[in-house]
C-alpha atoms as a PDB file:
ATOM      1  CA  MET A   1     -18.995  -4.855   9.673  1.00  0.00           C
ATOM      2  CA  ARG A   2     -19.261  -8.614  11.021  1.00  0.00           C
ATOM      3  CA  ARG A   3     -18.587  -9.818  14.201  1.00  0.00           C
ATOM      4  CA  GLU A   4     -14.842 -11.238  12.982  1.00  0.00           C
ATOM      5  CA  ASP A   5     -13.930  -7.987  11.793  1.00  0.00           C
ATOM      6  CA  LEU A   6     -11.205  -5.578  13.334  1.00  0.00           C
ATOM      7  CA  LEU A   7     -12.343  -2.287  15.346  1.00  0.00           C
ATOM      8  CA  ILE A   8      -9.590  -0.010  17.412  1.00  0.00           C
ATOM      9  CA  GLU A   9     -11.887   2.557  19.609  1.00  0.00           C
ATOM     10  CA  LEU A  10     -10.546   5.460  21.225  1.00  0.00           C
ATOM     11  CA  GLY A  11     -12.549   7.385  23.582  1.00  0.00           C
ATOM     12  CA  THR A  12     -11.880  10.627  24.264  1.00  0.00           C
ATOM     13  CA  GLU A  13     -13.124  14.036  25.385  1.00  0.00           C
ATOM     14  CA  GLU A  14     -14.619  16.297  23.098  1.00  0.00           C
ATOM     15  CA  LEU A  15     -13.615  17.166  19.826  1.00  0.00           C
ATOM     16  CA  PRO A  16     -13.861  20.118  17.715  1.00  0.00           C
ATOM     17  CA  PRO A  17     -15.898  18.957  14.873  1.00  0.00           C
ATOM     18  CA  LYS A  18     -13.888  20.863  12.559  1.00  0.00           C
ATOM     19  CA  ALA A  19     -11.266  18.646  13.414  1.00  0.00           C
ATOM     20  CA  LEU A  20     -13.143  15.478  13.315  1.00  0.00           C
ATOM     21  CA  ARG A  21     -12.305  14.336   9.755  1.00  0.00           C
ATOM     22  CA  ALA A  22      -8.412  15.265   9.851  1.00  0.00           C
ATOM     23  CA  LEU A  23      -7.965  13.084  13.166  1.00  0.00           C
ATOM     24  CA  ARG A  24     -10.551  10.421  11.796  1.00  0.00           C
ATOM     25  CA  ASP A  25      -7.877   9.751   8.588  1.00  0.00           C
ATOM     26  CA  ALA A  26      -4.570  10.398  10.122  1.00  0.00           C
ATOM     27  CA  PHE A  27      -5.586   7.745  13.374  1.00  0.00           C
ATOM     28  CA  ALA A  28      -6.742   5.471  10.444  1.00  0.00           C
ATOM     29  CA  ALA A  29      -3.573   5.899   8.732  1.00  0.00           C
ATOM     30  CA  GLY A  30      -1.627   5.443  11.366  1.00  0.00           C
ATOM     31  CA  VAL A  31      -3.114   2.028  12.327  1.00  0.00           C
ATOM     32  CA  ALA A  32      -2.760   0.398   8.410  1.00  0.00           C
ATOM     33  CA  GLN A  33       0.703   2.121   8.861  1.00  0.00           C
ATOM     34  CA  GLU A  34       1.496  -0.362  12.328  1.00  0.00           C
ATOM     35  CA  LEU A  35      -0.347  -3.094  10.585  1.00  0.00           C
ATOM     36  CA  THR A  36       1.807  -2.972   7.881  1.00  0.00           C
ATOM     37  CA  VAL A  37       5.186  -2.711  10.245  1.00  0.00           C
ATOM     38  CA  ALA A  38       3.892  -5.740  11.880  1.00  0.00           C
ATOM     39  CA  ARG A  39       3.416  -7.329   8.785  1.00  0.00           C
ATOM     40  CA  LEU A  40       0.088  -8.224   9.092  1.00  0.00           C
ATOM     41  CA  ASP A  41      -2.318  -8.323   5.915  1.00  0.00           C
ATOM     42  CA  PHE A  42      -4.967  -6.626   6.545  1.00  0.00           C
ATOM     43  CA  GLY A  43      -8.119  -5.158   4.269  1.00  0.00           C
ATOM     44  CA  THR A  44      -9.136  -1.524   3.344  1.00  0.00           C
ATOM     45  CA  ILE A  45      -9.693   0.625   6.777  1.00  0.00           C
ATOM     46  CA  THR A  46     -12.780   2.201   7.386  1.00  0.00           C
ATOM     47  CA  ALA A  47     -12.971   4.982   9.756  1.00  0.00           C
ATOM     48  CA  TYR A  48     -15.584   6.340  11.710  1.00  0.00           C
ATOM     49  CA  ALA A  49     -15.237   9.626  14.227  1.00  0.00           C
ATOM     50  CA  THR A  50     -18.010  11.428  16.375  1.00  0.00           C
ATOM     51  CA  PRO A  51     -16.936  14.578  18.619  1.00  0.00           C
ATOM     52  CA  ARG A  52     -16.136  11.967  21.378  1.00  0.00           C
ATOM     53  CA  ARG A  53     -14.735   8.706  19.543  1.00  0.00           C
ATOM     54  CA  LEU A  54     -12.469   7.745  16.948  1.00  0.00           C
ATOM     55  CA  ALA A  55     -12.748   4.376  15.735  1.00  0.00           C
ATOM     56  CA  PRO A  56     -11.125   3.064  12.482  1.00  0.00           C
ATOM     57  CA  GLY A  57     -11.664  -0.866  11.595  1.00  0.00           C
ATOM     58  CA  GLY A  58     -11.720  -3.338   8.918  1.00  0.00           C
ATOM     59  CA  PRO A  59     -11.542  -6.486   7.754  1.00  0.00           C
ATOM     60  CA  ARG A  60      -9.713  -9.073  10.748  1.00  0.00           C
ATOM     61  CA  PRO A  61      -5.893  -9.382  10.090  1.00  0.00           C
ATOM     62  CA  ALA A  62      -4.463 -12.798   9.132  1.00  0.00           C
ATOM     63  CA  PRO A  63      -4.326 -14.691  11.829  1.00  0.00           C
ATOM     64  CA  SER A  64      -0.504 -15.325  11.083  1.00  0.00           C
ATOM     65  CA  LEU A  65       2.488 -14.199   9.619  1.00  0.00           C
ATOM     66  CA  PRO A  66       4.328 -15.010   6.177  1.00  0.00           C
ATOM     67  CA  ARG A  67       7.148 -17.273   6.479  1.00  0.00           C
ATOM     68  CA  LEU A  68      10.180 -15.179   5.534  1.00  0.00           C
ATOM     69  CA  ALA A  69      13.551 -16.498   4.353  1.00  0.00           C
ATOM     70  CA  PHE A  70      17.021 -14.948   5.353  1.00  0.00           C
ATOM     71  CA  PHE A  71      19.935 -15.714   3.651  1.00  0.00           C
ATOM     72  CA  LEU A  72      23.196 -14.696   5.867  1.00  0.00           C
ATOM     73  CA  LYS A  73      26.362 -14.797   3.859  1.00  0.00           C
ATOM     74  CA  GLY A  74      29.430 -14.654   6.404  1.00  0.00           C
ATOM     75  CA  LYS A  75      33.118 -13.547   5.724  1.00  0.00           C
END
């Protein structure tokens, strides 16, 4: 990862080793979903996991939101 990249690290109590892959993937999917809902452009999320840490990350999201146009039609 480069210095400008995004990394979200969550410290935990001891996680069961058999559940690490599923927990890692679920946390990364949640982060990607929330970045999408916030309309932040990002690249591929890479996730890391240890028994005491979950850490999804990837390229830094765009510094600003894209412009949106709204057209309201009244009665």
